[in-house]
């Protein structure tokens, strides 16, 4: 993935200097510009591609929430402000994050990573992935109980990792298929646009996800947790299909 084209908007010189320094420090962000006036920034966006905006809220002429409503394009926004009372408005505007000043680089980096995850989730699958799905024919051969068994990917609900073994749970089958493999090996074989790793021990078939409850995916009586490092990617999948 190419560097994320990023700009910063803040009318306070020291705050703007800090944020631009953080952007330049982050390898996967590309600094495209910094602005102390939102109107100047809007004109820049009208003529230049921008992926991500770190946006102050309290500014003269046009505040950050107003800016986010009227700016053209599909830019992601991280609000930066000293006032916590704007958090609900930021949520309504589908902001990636809401950073409360003063914030450290670690907090900034977490917000940038969330933006990267959302942008990556919106990208179409790479040609190699499309070819992998086509050549797989929608199934895998799995060795289990001294036999080689054909598993249709549409039937897979989820996969559970157990050290050097994995259990493949199929829709309508009470017992899983147990095979000698690792989660990494299984993940490499499965089409990424249909299967997602949501926990160190679980991969789910996204087309089979029907119920989500308190950061857990429900398959019948089984509750699969969504691990912290996988939450952003899974939330991006939910957001893309949310009404």
Protein backbone atom coordinates (compact mmCIF):
# COMPACT_ATOMS: atom_id res chain seq x y z
CA UNK A 1 0.00 0.00 0.00
CA UNK A 2 1.38 3.40 -0.98
CA UNK A 3 1.88 6.14 1.67
CA UNK A 4 -1.34 7.74 2.85
CA UNK A 5 -1.61 11.30 1.52
CA UNK A 6 -2.15 13.36 4.65
CA UNK A 7 -2.75 17.01 5.56
CA UNK A 8 -3.10 18.82 8.89
CA UNK A 9 -5.37 21.80 9.63
CA UNK A 10 -5.02 23.81 12.84
CA UNK A 11 -5.06 27.56 13.50
CA UNK A 12 -2.67 27.21 16.47
CA UNK A 13 0.96 27.33 15.17
CA UNK A 14 2.44 25.13 17.91
CA UNK A 15 -0.29 22.50 17.57
CA UNK A 16 0.10 22.49 13.79
CA UNK A 17 3.86 22.13 14.11
CA UNK A 18 3.45 19.18 16.49
CA UNK A 19 0.99 17.33 14.23
CA UNK A 20 3.05 17.87 11.07
CA UNK A 21 6.07 16.55 12.95
CA UNK A 22 4.11 13.44 13.92
CA UNK A 23 3.00 12.93 10.30
CA UNK A 24 6.55 13.16 8.97
CA UNK A 25 7.71 10.76 11.69
CA UNK A 26 5.21 8.08 10.62
CA UNK A 27 6.55 5.93 7.72
CA UNK A 28 3.18 5.05 6.16
CA UNK A 29 1.94 8.67 6.09
CA UNK A 30 2.86 11.08 3.30
CA UNK A 31 2.83 14.78 4.23
CA UNK A 32 0.95 16.71 1.54
CA UNK A 33 0.44 20.02 3.33
CA UNK A 34 -0.32 21.90 6.55
CA UNK A 35 -2.80 24.74 6.86
CA UNK A 36 -3.72 27.28 9.52
CA UNK A 37 -6.83 28.30 7.58
CA UNK A 38 -9.57 25.78 6.71
CA UNK A 39 -10.63 27.75 3.62
CA UNK A 40 -7.13 27.50 2.16
CA UNK A 41 -7.13 23.77 2.95
CA UNK A 42 -10.47 23.31 1.20
CA UNK A 43 -9.12 24.94 -1.94
CA UNK A 44 -6.09 22.60 -1.81
CA UNK A 45 -8.33 19.55 -1.50
CA UNK A 46 -10.39 20.68 -4.49
CA UNK A 47 -7.28 20.39 -6.68
CA UNK A 48 -5.24 17.64 -4.99
CA UNK A 49 -5.96 14.07 -3.84
CA UNK A 50 -6.02 13.70 -0.05
CA UNK A 51 -6.63 10.48 1.89
CA UNK A 52 -6.48 11.61 5.51
CA UNK A 53 -7.03 14.91 7.37
CA UNK A 54 -5.96 15.69 10.94
CA UNK A 55 -8.47 18.42 11.66
CA UNK A 56 -8.77 20.89 14.53
CA UNK A 57 -12.34 21.77 15.56
CA UNK A 58 -12.18 25.21 17.17
CA UNK A 59 -11.12 27.52 14.32
CA UNK A 60 -12.27 30.94 13.07
CA UNK A 61 -14.38 31.37 9.91
CA UNK A 62 -15.12 27.65 9.60
CA UNK A 63 -14.84 25.12 12.43
CA UNK A 64 -13.70 21.53 11.95
CA UNK A 65 -17.11 19.86 12.06
CA UNK A 66 -18.49 22.30 9.49
CA UNK A 67 -15.44 21.67 7.33
CA UNK A 68 -15.92 17.89 7.53
CA UNK A 69 -19.55 18.21 6.42
CA UNK A 70 -18.91 20.25 3.31
CA UNK A 71 -15.47 19.10 2.09
CA UNK A 72 -15.59 17.25 -1.22
CA UNK A 73 -14.31 13.71 -1.61
CA UNK A 74 -13.96 10.62 0.58
CA UNK A 75 -11.18 11.79 2.88
CA UNK A 76 -10.92 10.20 6.30
CA UNK A 77 -10.86 12.60 9.25
CA UNK A 78 -9.19 12.49 12.66
CA UNK A 79 -10.43 15.34 14.84
CA UNK A 80 -7.91 17.06 17.12
CA UNK A 81 -9.26 19.37 19.80
CA UNK A 82 -8.91 20.53 23.38
CA UNK A 83 -12.68 20.27 23.92
CA UNK A 84 -14.17 16.84 24.75
CA UNK A 85 -17.77 17.99 24.19
CA UNK A 86 -17.40 17.54 20.41
CA UNK A 87 -16.88 13.78 20.62
CA UNK A 88 -20.50 12.88 19.80
CA UNK A 89 -20.47 15.15 16.75
CA UNK A 90 -17.25 13.50 15.61
CA UNK A 91 -18.91 10.09 15.89
CA UNK A 92 -21.87 11.29 13.80
CA UNK A 93 -19.48 12.45 11.10
CA UNK A 94 -17.88 8.98 10.98
CA UNK A 95 -14.49 10.27 12.08
CA UNK A 96 -11.69 7.72 12.33
CA UNK A 97 -10.77 9.01 15.77
CA UNK A 98 -11.04 11.92 18.18
CA UNK A 99 -7.74 13.04 19.72
CA UNK A 100 -7.97 15.20 22.81
CA UNK A 101 -5.16 17.75 23.13
CA UNK A 102 -2.51 17.46 24.36
CA UNK A 103 -1.86 13.99 22.92
CA UNK A 104 1.34 11.98 22.66
CA UNK A 105 2.80 10.39 19.53
CA UNK A 106 1.62 6.95 20.68
CA UNK A 107 -2.01 8.16 20.59
CA UNK A 108 -1.47 9.82 17.22
CA UNK A 109 0.04 6.61 15.82
CA UNK A 110 -2.92 4.52 16.95
CA UNK A 111 -5.27 6.90 15.12
CA UNK A 112 -3.09 6.75 12.00
CA UNK A 113 -3.15 2.94 12.10
CA UNK A 114 -6.95 2.95 12.34
CA UNK A 115 -7.07 5.16 9.25
CA UNK A 116 -4.68 2.82 7.42
CA UNK A 117 -6.88 -0.17 8.25
CA UNK A 118 -10.00 1.54 6.95
CA UNK A 119 -8.30 2.62 3.75
CA UNK A 120 -6.86 -0.86 3.17
CA UNK A 121 -10.27 -2.45 3.71
CA UNK A 122 -11.77 -0.20 1.03
CA UNK A 123 -9.24 -1.27 -1.61
CA UNK A 124 -10.27 -3.88 -4.23
CA UNK A 125 -8.49 -7.25 -3.94
CA UNK A 126 -5.15 -7.44 -5.69
CA UNK A 127 -5.00 -9.38 -9.00
CA UNK A 128 -3.06 -12.20 -7.32
CA UNK A 129 -5.88 -12.64 -4.80
CA UNK A 130 -8.50 -12.71 -7.55
CA UNK A 131 -6.50 -15.37 -9.40
CA UNK A 132 -6.15 -17.40 -6.22
CA UNK A 133 -9.92 -17.50 -5.75
CA UNK A 134 -10.52 -18.45 -9.38
CA UNK A 135 -8.00 -21.27 -9.43
CA UNK A 136 -9.11 -22.67 -6.05
CA UNK A 137 -12.56 -23.40 -7.46
CA UNK A 138 -14.19 -22.52 -4.15
CA UNK A 139 -12.89 -25.52 -2.22
CA UNK A 140 -9.90 -26.94 -0.37
CA UNK A 141 -8.61 -30.48 0.06
CA UNK A 142 -7.91 -31.26 3.73
CA UNK A 143 -6.27 -34.38 5.14
CA UNK A 144 -8.21 -35.67 8.13
CA UNK A 145 -8.49 -39.12 9.76
CA UNK A 146 -6.11 -40.66 7.21
CA UNK A 147 -8.35 -39.44 4.36
CA UNK A 148 -8.29 -36.46 2.03
CA UNK A 149 -11.55 -34.58 2.25
CA UNK A 150 -12.88 -31.88 -0.05
CA UNK A 151 -14.19 -28.84 1.86
CA UNK A 152 -16.45 -26.38 0.07
CA UNK A 153 -15.56 -22.87 1.25
CA UNK A 154 -19.23 -21.83 1.26
CA UNK A 155 -19.88 -24.45 3.98
CA UNK A 156 -17.14 -23.20 6.33
CA UNK A 157 -18.45 -21.14 9.24
CA UNK A 158 -15.22 -20.63 11.18
CA UNK A 159 -11.82 -22.15 11.83
CA UNK A 160 -10.22 -22.61 15.24
CA UNK A 161 -6.48 -22.95 15.80
CA UNK A 162 -5.03 -25.40 18.34
CA UNK A 163 -1.22 -25.18 18.25
CA UNK A 164 -0.26 -27.45 15.31
CA UNK A 165 -3.84 -28.39 14.47
CA UNK A 166 -6.89 -26.55 13.22
CA UNK A 167 -10.57 -27.36 13.49
CA UNK A 168 -12.76 -26.46 10.51
CA UNK A 169 -16.40 -25.98 11.51
CA UNK A 170 -18.90 -26.58 8.71
CA UNK A 171 -22.49 -25.41 8.52
CA UNK A 172 -24.84 -28.23 9.48
CA UNK A 173 -22.10 -30.54 10.83
CA UNK A 174 -21.92 -31.19 14.56
CA UNK A 175 -18.26 -32.24 14.57
CA UNK A 176 -15.45 -30.13 13.09
CA UNK A 177 -12.89 -31.43 10.63
CA UNK A 178 -9.53 -31.74 12.42
CA UNK A 179 -6.35 -31.44 10.38
CA UNK A 180 -2.63 -31.00 10.98
CA UNK A 181 -1.98 -27.38 9.98
CA UNK A 182 -1.41 -23.91 11.41
CA UNK A 183 -3.58 -20.81 11.35
CA UNK A 184 -0.97 -19.06 9.21
CA UNK A 185 -1.09 -21.83 6.61
CA UNK A 186 -4.89 -21.81 6.55
CA UNK A 187 -5.04 -18.03 6.29
CA UNK A 188 -2.70 -18.13 3.28
CA UNK A 189 -4.94 -20.66 1.49
CA UNK A 190 -8.24 -18.83 2.05
CA UNK A 191 -9.50 -15.94 -0.12
CA UNK A 192 -9.02 -12.79 1.96
CA UNK A 193 -12.16 -11.07 0.67
CA UNK A 194 -14.30 -13.87 2.15
CA UNK A 195 -12.35 -14.99 5.21
CA UNK A 196 -10.93 -12.83 7.98
CA UNK A 197 -8.80 -13.59 10.99
CA UNK A 198 -10.55 -11.98 13.96
CA UNK A 199 -8.53 -13.52 16.80
CA UNK A 200 -5.20 -15.32 17.17
CA UNK A 201 -7.23 -18.56 17.36
CA UNK A 202 -10.12 -17.89 14.96
CA UNK A 203 -10.78 -17.24 11.27
CA UNK A 204 -14.39 -16.58 10.23
CA UNK A 205 -16.25 -16.86 6.94
CA UNK A 206 -17.55 -13.29 6.48
CA UNK A 207 -20.45 -14.49 4.35
CA UNK A 208 -21.63 -16.60 7.31
CA UNK A 209 -21.53 -13.81 9.91
CA UNK A 210 -25.13 -13.12 10.92
CA UNK A 211 -25.02 -11.98 14.56
CA UNK A 212 -22.51 -9.72 16.34
CA UNK A 213 -22.92 -9.17 20.06
CA UNK A 214 -20.59 -7.12 22.30
CA UNK A 215 -17.52 -7.52 20.08
CA UNK A 216 -18.23 -11.22 19.66
CA UNK A 217 -19.39 -13.12 16.57
CA UNK A 218 -22.17 -15.58 17.29
CA UNK A 219 -22.46 -18.94 15.56
CA UNK A 220 -25.33 -20.76 17.28
CA UNK A 221 -24.18 -21.30 20.86
CA UNK A 222 -20.55 -20.41 20.07
CA UNK A 223 -19.26 -16.89 20.81
CA UNK A 224 -16.07 -15.95 18.96
CA UNK A 225 -14.19 -12.96 20.41
CA UNK A 226 -12.73 -10.27 18.17
CA UNK A 227 -9.14 -9.66 19.33
CA UNK A 228 -7.86 -6.12 19.90
CA UNK A 229 -5.40 -6.22 16.99
CA UNK A 230 -8.16 -7.36 14.59
CA UNK A 231 -10.97 -5.04 15.75
CA UNK A 232 -10.30 -2.21 13.28
CA UNK A 233 -10.29 -4.49 10.23
CA UNK A 234 -13.45 -6.28 11.34
CA UNK A 235 -15.19 -2.99 12.16
CA UNK A 236 -14.28 -1.72 8.70
CA UNK A 237 -16.00 -4.81 7.21
CA UNK A 238 -19.10 -4.11 9.32
CA UNK A 239 -19.11 -0.41 8.38
CA UNK A 240 -18.95 -1.21 4.67
CA UNK A 241 -22.12 -3.29 4.98
CA UNK A 242 -23.96 -1.26 7.62
CA UNK A 243 -27.32 0.39 6.92
